[in-house]
Amino acid sequence: MTEQRLCWRCREWLANKFGSNYYVAPSNHCHHPEPEQKPKEECWCDEPNFRMIYLGKERTEVQFCPLCGKPRKDWGK
């Protein structure tokens, strides 16, 4: 028996509805023509712009991307 393949949208919908340990029934299928992998979400480091954040009441310069951890010197590459 082959494993049921669902696109990322269907897997995300099932995980949101039933939790991470959802059961993929044989009747579950998708016909979406989309890629198997979820597209990369936009990250702070995709643009080399200068970013500041507030930590408490102080504005602080961001040294690492808070989403992926890439150092600021490598942003935009």
PDB file of N, CA and C in Angstrom:
ATOM      1  N   MET A   1       0.844  -1.180   0.000  1.00  0.00           N
ATOM      2  CA  MET A   1       0.000   0.000   0.000  1.00  0.00           C
ATOM      3  C   MET A   1       0.889   1.244   0.000  1.00  0.00           C
ATOM      4  N   THR A   2       0.626   2.172  -0.879  1.00  0.00           N
ATOM      5  CA  THR A   2       1.427   3.393  -0.941  1.00  0.00           C
ATOM      6  C   THR A   2       0.878   4.430   0.024  1.00  0.00           C
ATOM      7  N   GLU A   3       1.771   5.277   0.472  1.00  0.00           N
ATOM      8  CA  GLU A   3       1.389   6.328   1.412  1.00  0.00           C
ATOM      9  C   GLU A   3       0.584   7.398   0.684  1.00  0.00           C
ATOM     10  N   GLN A   4      -0.480   7.863   1.322  1.00  0.00           N
ATOM     11  CA  GLN A   4      -1.311   8.914   0.746  1.00  0.00           C
ATOM     12  C   GLN A   4      -0.521  10.221   0.734  1.00  0.00           C
ATOM     13  N   ARG A   5      -0.436  10.874  -0.421  1.00  0.00           N
ATOM     14  CA  ARG A   5       0.289  12.122  -0.552  1.00  0.00           C
ATOM     15  C   ARG A   5      -0.701  13.279  -0.611  1.00  0.00           C
ATOM     16  N   LEU A   6      -0.527  14.228   0.279  1.00  0.00           N
ATOM     17  CA  LEU A   6      -1.358  15.418   0.290  1.00  0.00           C
ATOM     18  C   LEU A   6      -0.468  16.637   0.071  1.00  0.00           C
ATOM     19  N   CYS A   7      -1.006  17.660  -0.553  1.00  0.00           N
ATOM     20  CA  CYS A   7      -0.240  18.890  -0.737  1.00  0.00           C
ATOM     21  C   CYS A   7      -0.118  19.604   0.606  1.00  0.00           C
ATOM     22  N   TRP A   8       0.735  20.614   0.668  1.00  0.00           N
ATOM     23  CA  TRP A   8       0.978  21.304   1.939  1.00  0.00           C
ATOM     24  C   TRP A   8      -0.271  21.994   2.461  1.00  0.00           C
ATOM     25  N   ARG A   9      -1.144  22.473   1.561  1.00  0.00           N
ATOM     26  CA  ARG A   9      -2.376  23.125   2.028  1.00  0.00           C
ATOM     27  C   ARG A   9      -3.289  22.128   2.742  1.00  0.00           C
ATOM     28  N   CYS A  10      -3.442  20.947   2.160  1.00  0.00           N
ATOM     29  CA  CYS A  10      -4.298  19.923   2.773  1.00  0.00           C
ATOM     30  C   CYS A  10      -3.697  19.427   4.092  1.00  0.00           C
ATOM     31  N   ARG A  11      -2.381  19.213   4.132  1.00  0.00           N
ATOM     32  CA  ARG A  11      -1.742  18.782   5.383  1.00  0.00           C
ATOM     33  C   ARG A  11      -1.893  19.834   6.469  1.00  0.00           C
ATOM     34  N   GLU A  12      -1.730  21.125   6.100  1.00  0.00           N
ATOM     35  CA  GLU A  12      -1.872  22.205   7.079  1.00  0.00           C
ATOM     36  C   GLU A  12      -3.307  22.296   7.577  1.00  0.00           C
ATOM     37  N   TRP A  13      -4.288  22.133   6.684  1.00  0.00           N
ATOM     38  CA  TRP A  13      -5.692  22.187   7.080  1.00  0.00           C
ATOM     39  C   TRP A  13      -6.021  21.060   8.056  1.00  0.00           C
ATOM     40  N   LEU A  14      -5.565  19.831   7.746  1.00  0.00           N
ATOM     41  CA  LEU A  14      -5.820  18.698   8.630  1.00  0.00           C
ATOM     42  C   LEU A  14      -5.139  18.888   9.990  1.00  0.00           C
ATOM     43  N   ALA A  15      -3.912  19.403   9.999  1.00  0.00           N
ATOM     44  CA  ALA A  15      -3.206  19.617  11.261  1.00  0.00           C
ATOM     45  C   ALA A  15      -3.902  20.689  12.096  1.00  0.00           C
ATOM     46  N   ASN A  16      -4.406  21.743  11.469  1.00  0.00           N
ATOM     47  CA  ASN A  16      -5.122  22.792  12.206  1.00  0.00           C
ATOM     48  C   ASN A  16      -6.446  22.285  12.748  1.00  0.00           C
ATOM     49  N   LYS A  17      -7.113  21.426  12.002  1.00  0.00           N
ATOM     50  CA  LYS A  17      -8.426  20.934  12.424  1.00  0.00           C
ATOM     51  C   LYS A  17      -8.334  19.812  13.456  1.00  0.00           C
ATOM     52  N   PHE A  18      -7.391  18.864  13.247  1.00  0.00           N
ATOM     53  CA  PHE A  18      -7.345  17.676  14.092  1.00  0.00           C
ATOM     54  C   PHE A  18      -6.092  17.560  14.960  1.00  0.00           C
ATOM     55  N   GLY A  19      -5.155  18.474  14.837  1.00  0.00           N
ATOM     56  CA  GLY A  19      -3.912  18.382  15.591  1.00  0.00           C
ATOM     57  C   GLY A  19      -2.818  17.738  14.751  1.00  0.00           C
ATOM     58  N   SER A  20      -1.622  17.691  15.286  1.00  0.00           N
ATOM     59  CA  SER A  20      -0.465  17.227  14.515  1.00  0.00           C
ATOM     60  C   SER A  20      -0.478  15.725  14.252  1.00  0.00           C
ATOM     61  N   ASN A  21      -1.205  14.946  15.026  1.00  0.00           N
ATOM     62  CA  ASN A  21      -1.250  13.493  14.824  1.00  0.00           C
ATOM     63  C   ASN A  21      -2.542  13.079  14.125  1.00  0.00           C
ATOM     64  N   TYR A  22      -2.852  13.766  13.031  1.00  0.00           N
ATOM     65  CA  TYR A  22      -4.093  13.456  12.309  1.00  0.00           C
ATOM     66  C   TYR A  22      -3.939  12.160  11.510  1.00  0.00           C
ATOM     67  N   TYR A  23      -5.063  11.518  11.259  1.00  0.00           N
ATOM     68  CA  TYR A  23      -5.101  10.275  10.482  1.00  0.00           C
ATOM     69  C   TYR A  23      -5.485  10.610   9.044  1.00  0.00           C
ATOM     70  N   VAL A  24      -4.727  10.121   8.089  1.00  0.00           N
ATOM     71  CA  VAL A  24      -5.057  10.318   6.680  1.00  0.00           C
ATOM     72  C   VAL A  24      -5.806   9.082   6.204  1.00  0.00           C
ATOM     73  N   ALA A  25      -7.113   9.221   6.109  1.00  0.00           N
ATOM     74  CA  ALA A  25      -7.954   8.102   5.671  1.00  0.00           C
ATOM     75  C   ALA A  25      -7.752   7.855   4.183  1.00  0.00           C
ATOM     76  N   PRO A  26      -7.992   6.637   3.738  1.00  0.00           N
ATOM     77  CA  PRO A  26      -7.865   6.354   2.298  1.00  0.00           C
ATOM     78  C   PRO A  26      -8.771   7.237   1.438  1.00  0.00           C
ATOM     79  N   SER A  27      -9.861   7.725   2.011  1.00  0.00           N
ATOM     80  CA  SER A  27     -10.757   8.594   1.242  1.00  0.00           C
ATOM     81  C   SER A  27     -10.238  10.029   1.152  1.00  0.00           C
ATOM     82  N   ASN A  28      -9.250  10.385   1.992  1.00  0.00           N
ATOM     83  CA  ASN A  28      -8.670  11.723   1.923  1.00  0.00           C
ATOM     84  C   ASN A  28      -7.727  11.802   0.731  1.00  0.00           C
ATOM     85  N   HIS A  29      -7.970  12.752  -0.111  1.00  0.00           N
ATOM     86  CA  HIS A  29      -7.092  12.965  -1.252  1.00  0.00           C
ATOM     87  C   HIS A  29      -7.200  14.419  -1.673  1.00  0.00           C
ATOM     88  N   CYS A  30      -6.224  14.874  -2.404  1.00  0.00           N
ATOM     89  CA  CYS A  30      -6.300  16.230  -2.939  1.00  0.00           C
ATOM     90  C   CYS A  30      -5.926  16.197  -4.411  1.00  0.00           C
ATOM     91  N   HIS A  31      -6.432  17.173  -5.113  1.00  0.00           N
ATOM     92  CA  HIS A  31      -6.145  17.281  -6.538  1.00  0.00           C
ATOM     93  C   HIS A  31      -5.569  18.660  -6.834  1.00  0.00           C
ATOM     94  N   HIS A  32      -4.936  19.243  -5.829  1.00  0.00           N
ATOM     95  CA  HIS A  32      -4.339  20.566  -6.033  1.00  0.00           C
ATOM     96  C   HIS A  32      -3.075  20.438  -6.880  1.00  0.00           C
ATOM     97  N   PRO A  33      -2.918  21.298  -7.862  1.00  0.00           N
ATOM     98  CA  PRO A  33      -1.735  21.236  -8.723  1.00  0.00           C
ATOM     99  C   PRO A  33      -0.538  21.963  -8.128  1.00  0.00           C
ATOM    100  N   GLU A  34      -0.556  22.181  -6.837  1.00  0.00           N
ATOM    101  CA  GLU A  34       0.492  22.976  -6.197  1.00  0.00           C
ATOM    102  C   GLU A  34       1.658  22.102  -5.778  1.00  0.00           C
ATOM    103  N   PRO A  35       2.805  22.709  -5.550  1.00  0.00           N
ATOM    104  CA  PRO A  35       3.989  21.931  -5.154  1.00  0.00           C
ATOM    105  C   PRO A  35       3.809  21.252  -3.804  1.00  0.00           C
ATOM    106  N   GLU A  36       4.576  20.203  -3.582  1.00  0.00           N
ATOM    107  CA  GLU A  36       4.508  19.428  -2.353  1.00  0.00           C
ATOM    108  C   GLU A  36       4.967  20.236  -1.144  1.00  0.00           C
ATOM    109  N   GLN A  37       5.966  21.116  -1.342  1.00  0.00           N
ATOM    110  CA  GLN A  37       6.516  21.893  -0.235  1.00  0.00           C
ATOM    111  C   GLN A  37       5.827  23.246  -0.117  1.00  0.00           C
ATOM    112  N   LYS A  38       5.646  23.699   1.108  1.00  0.00           N
ATOM    113  CA  LYS A  38       5.063  25.005   1.369  1.00  0.00           C
ATOM    114  C   LYS A  38       6.049  26.081   0.941  1.00  0.00           C
ATOM    115  N   PRO A  39       5.583  27.123   0.272  1.00  0.00           N
ATOM    116  CA  PRO A  39       6.496  28.193  -0.111  1.00  0.00           C
ATOM    117  C   PRO A  39       7.107  28.861   1.123  1.00  0.00           C
ATOM    118  N   LYS A  40       8.329  29.345   0.980  1.00  0.00           N
ATOM    119  CA  LYS A  40       9.023  29.971   2.102  1.00  0.00           C
ATOM    120  C   LYS A  40       8.309  31.257   2.484  1.00  0.00           C
ATOM    121  N   GLU A  41       8.021  31.397   3.770  1.00  0.00           N
ATOM    122  CA  GLU A  41       7.388  32.616   4.250  1.00  0.00           C
ATOM    123  C   GLU A  41       8.415  33.732   4.247  1.00  0.00           C
ATOM    124  N   GLU A  42       7.932  34.963   4.078  1.00  0.00           N
ATOM    125  CA  GLU A  42       8.845  36.100   4.043  1.00  0.00           C
ATOM    126  C   GLU A  42       9.528  36.250   5.392  1.00  0.00           C
ATOM    127  N   CYS A  43      10.806  36.427   5.337  1.00  0.00           N
ATOM    128  CA  CYS A  43      11.629  36.527   6.533  1.00  0.00           C
ATOM    129  C   CYS A  43      12.188  37.937   6.629  1.00  0.00           C
ATOM    130  N   TRP A  44      12.544  38.397   7.826  1.00  0.00           N
ATOM    131  CA  TRP A  44      13.157  39.706   7.991  1.00  0.00           C
ATOM    132  C   TRP A  44      14.440  39.806   7.177  1.00  0.00           C
ATOM    133  N   CYS A  45      15.152  38.704   7.057  1.00  0.00           N
ATOM    134  CA  CYS A  45      16.463  38.732   6.423  1.00  0.00           C
ATOM    135  C   CYS A  45      16.393  38.694   4.899  1.00  0.00           C
ATOM    136  N   ASP A  46      15.201  38.590   4.304  1.00  0.00           N
ATOM    137  CA  ASP A  46      15.094  38.624   2.851  1.00  0.00           C
ATOM    138  C   ASP A  46      15.435  40.010   2.308  1.00  0.00           C
ATOM    139  N   GLU A  47      15.172  41.032   3.065  1.00  0.00           N
ATOM    140  CA  GLU A  47      15.490  42.406   2.693  1.00  0.00           C
ATOM    141  C   GLU A  47      16.606  42.905   3.598  1.00  0.00           C
ATOM    142  N   PRO A  48      17.600  43.577   3.039  1.00  0.00           N
ATOM    143  CA  PRO A  48      18.723  44.049   3.862  1.00  0.00           C
ATOM    144  C   PRO A  48      18.428  45.339   4.621  1.00  0.00           C
ATOM    145  N   ASN A  49      17.166  45.680   4.802  1.00  0.00           N
ATOM    146  CA  ASN A  49      16.799  46.924   5.482  1.00  0.00           C
ATOM    147  C   ASN A  49      17.228  46.905   6.945  1.00  0.00           C
ATOM    148  N   PHE A  50      17.510  48.083   7.444  1.00  0.00           N
ATOM    149  CA  PHE A  50      17.849  48.254   8.854  1.00  0.00           C
ATOM    150  C   PHE A  50      16.570  48.094   9.671  1.00  0.00           C
ATOM    151  N   ARG A  51      16.620  47.296  10.733  1.00  0.00           N
ATOM    152  CA  ARG A  51      15.437  47.043  11.560  1.00  0.00           C
ATOM    153  C   ARG A  51      15.748  47.325  13.023  1.00  0.00           C
ATOM    154  N   MET A  52      14.789  47.929  13.672  1.00  0.00           N
ATOM    155  CA  MET A  52      14.875  48.198  15.100  1.00  0.00           C
ATOM    156  C   MET A  52      13.637  47.585  15.743  1.00  0.00           C
ATOM    157  N   ILE A  53      13.794  47.105  16.983  1.00  0.00           N
ATOM    158  CA  ILE A  53      12.662  46.578  17.740  1.00  0.00           C
ATOM    159  C   ILE A  53      12.675  47.203  19.124  1.00  0.00           C
ATOM    160  N   TYR A  54      11.554  47.151  19.768  1.00  0.00           N
ATOM    161  CA  TYR A  54      11.460  47.634  21.145  1.00  0.00           C
ATOM    162  C   TYR A  54      11.600  46.465  22.096  1.00  0.00           C
ATOM    163  N   LEU A  55      12.546  46.562  23.009  1.00  0.00           N
ATOM    164  CA  LEU A  55      12.697  45.607  24.103  1.00  0.00           C
ATOM    165  C   LEU A  55      12.403  46.385  25.370  1.00  0.00           C
ATOM    166  N   GLY A  56      11.223  46.183  25.900  1.00  0.00           N
ATOM    167  CA  GLY A  56      10.794  47.007  27.021  1.00  0.00           C
ATOM    168  C   GLY A  56      10.491  48.390  26.495  1.00  0.00           C
ATOM    169  N   LYS A  57      11.183  49.408  27.013  1.00  0.00           N
ATOM    170  CA  LYS A  57      10.966  50.778  26.567  1.00  0.00           C
ATOM    171  C   LYS A  57      12.095  51.282  25.678  1.00  0.00           C
ATOM    172  N   GLU A  58      13.099  50.463  25.430  1.00  0.00           N
ATOM    173  CA  GLU A  58      14.245  50.877  24.628  1.00  0.00           C
ATOM    174  C   GLU A  58      14.163  50.322  23.207  1.00  0.00           C
ATOM    175  N   ARG A  59      14.578  51.154  22.249  1.00  0.00           N
ATOM    176  CA  ARG A  59      14.719  50.673  20.871  1.00  0.00           C
ATOM    177  C   ARG A  59      16.077  50.017  20.748  1.00  0.00           C
ATOM    178  N   THR A  60      16.099  48.824  20.190  1.00  0.00           N
ATOM    179  CA  THR A  60      17.332  48.051  20.085  1.00  0.00           C
ATOM    180  C   THR A  60      17.553  47.645  18.634  1.00  0.00           C
ATOM    181  N   GLU A  61      18.813  47.706  18.209  1.00  0.00           N
ATOM    182  CA  GLU A  61      19.180  47.290  16.865  1.00  0.00           C
ATOM    183  C   GLU A  61      19.167  45.765  16.792  1.00  0.00           C
ATOM    184  N   VAL A  62      18.556  45.230  15.749  1.00  0.00           N
ATOM    185  CA  VAL A  62      18.458  43.784  15.578  1.00  0.00           C
ATOM    186  C   VAL A  62      19.764  43.257  14.998  1.00  0.00           C
ATOM    187  N   GLN A  63      20.371  42.265  15.648  1.00  0.00           N
ATOM    188  CA  GLN A  63      21.617  41.673  15.168  1.00  0.00           C
ATOM    189  C   GLN A  63      21.396  40.350  14.451  1.00  0.00           C
ATOM    190  N   PHE A  64      20.290  39.662  14.750  1.00  0.00           N
ATOM    191  CA  PHE A  64      19.965  38.372  14.144  1.00  0.00           C
ATOM    192  C   PHE A  64      18.501  38.388  13.723  1.00  0.00           C
ATOM    193  N   CYS A  65      18.192  37.669  12.672  1.00  0.00           N
ATOM    194  CA  CYS A  65      16.808  37.545  12.234  1.00  0.00           C
ATOM    195  C   CYS A  65      16.033  36.768  13.306  1.00  0.00           C
ATOM    196  N   PRO A  66      14.928  37.305  13.804  1.00  0.00           N
ATOM    197  CA  PRO A  66      14.183  36.597  14.849  1.00  0.00           C
ATOM    198  C   PRO A  66      13.459  35.352  14.331  1.00  0.00           C
ATOM    199  N   LEU A  67      13.317  35.213  13.020  1.00  0.00           N
ATOM    200  CA  LEU A  67      12.615  34.062  12.469  1.00  0.00           C
ATOM    201  C   LEU A  67      13.543  32.896  12.148  1.00  0.00           C
ATOM    202  N   CYS A  68      14.715  33.192  11.560  1.00  0.00           N
ATOM    203  CA  CYS A  68      15.594  32.092  11.155  1.00  0.00           C
ATOM    204  C   CYS A  68      16.964  32.132  11.831  1.00  0.00           C
ATOM    205  N   GLY A  69      17.316  33.247  12.479  1.00  0.00           N
ATOM    206  CA  GLY A  69      18.584  33.327  13.216  1.00  0.00           C
ATOM    207  C   GLY A  69      19.779  33.761  12.384  1.00  0.00           C
ATOM    208  N   LYS A  70      19.579  34.149  11.125  1.00  0.00           N
ATOM    209  CA  LYS A  70      20.697  34.556  10.271  1.00  0.00           C
ATOM    210  C   LYS A  70      21.262  35.894  10.766  1.00  0.00           C
ATOM    211  N   PRO A  71      22.603  36.043  10.859  1.00  0.00           N
ATOM    212  CA  PRO A  71      23.186  37.312  11.299  1.00  0.00           C
ATOM    213  C   PRO A  71      22.839  38.445  10.322  1.00  0.00           C
ATOM    214  N   ARG A  72      22.726  39.666  10.845  1.00  0.00           N
ATOM    215  CA  ARG A  72      22.313  40.797  10.022  1.00  0.00           C
ATOM    216  C   ARG A  72      23.266  41.071   8.877  1.00  0.00           C
ATOM    217  N   LYS A  73      24.562  40.774   9.055  1.00  0.00           N
ATOM    218  CA  LYS A  73      25.528  41.032   7.980  1.00  0.00           C
ATOM    219  C   LYS A  73      25.247  40.180   6.737  1.00  0.00           C
ATOM    220  N   ASP A  74      24.501  39.067   6.888  1.00  0.00           N
ATOM    221  CA  ASP A  74      24.186  38.173   5.765  1.00  0.00           C
ATOM    222  C   ASP A  74      22.798  38.402   5.200  1.00  0.00           C
ATOM    223  N   TRP A  75      22.068  39.413   5.701  1.00  0.00           N
ATOM    224  CA  TRP A  75      20.715  39.672   5.213  1.00  0.00           C
ATOM    225  C   TRP A  75      20.744  40.106   3.762  1.00  0.00           C
ATOM    226  N   GLY A  76      19.772  39.684   2.987  1.00  0.00           N
ATOM    227  CA  GLY A  76      19.641  40.070   1.596  1.00  0.00           C
ATOM    228  C   GLY A  76      20.474  39.216   0.652  1.00  0.00           C
ATOM    229  N   LYS A  77      21.171  38.219   1.166  1.00  0.00           N
ATOM    230  CA  LYS A  77      22.020  37.369   0.313  1.00  0.00           C
ATOM    231  C   LYS A  77      21.289  36.096  -0.045  1.00  0.00           C
TER     232      LYS A  77
END
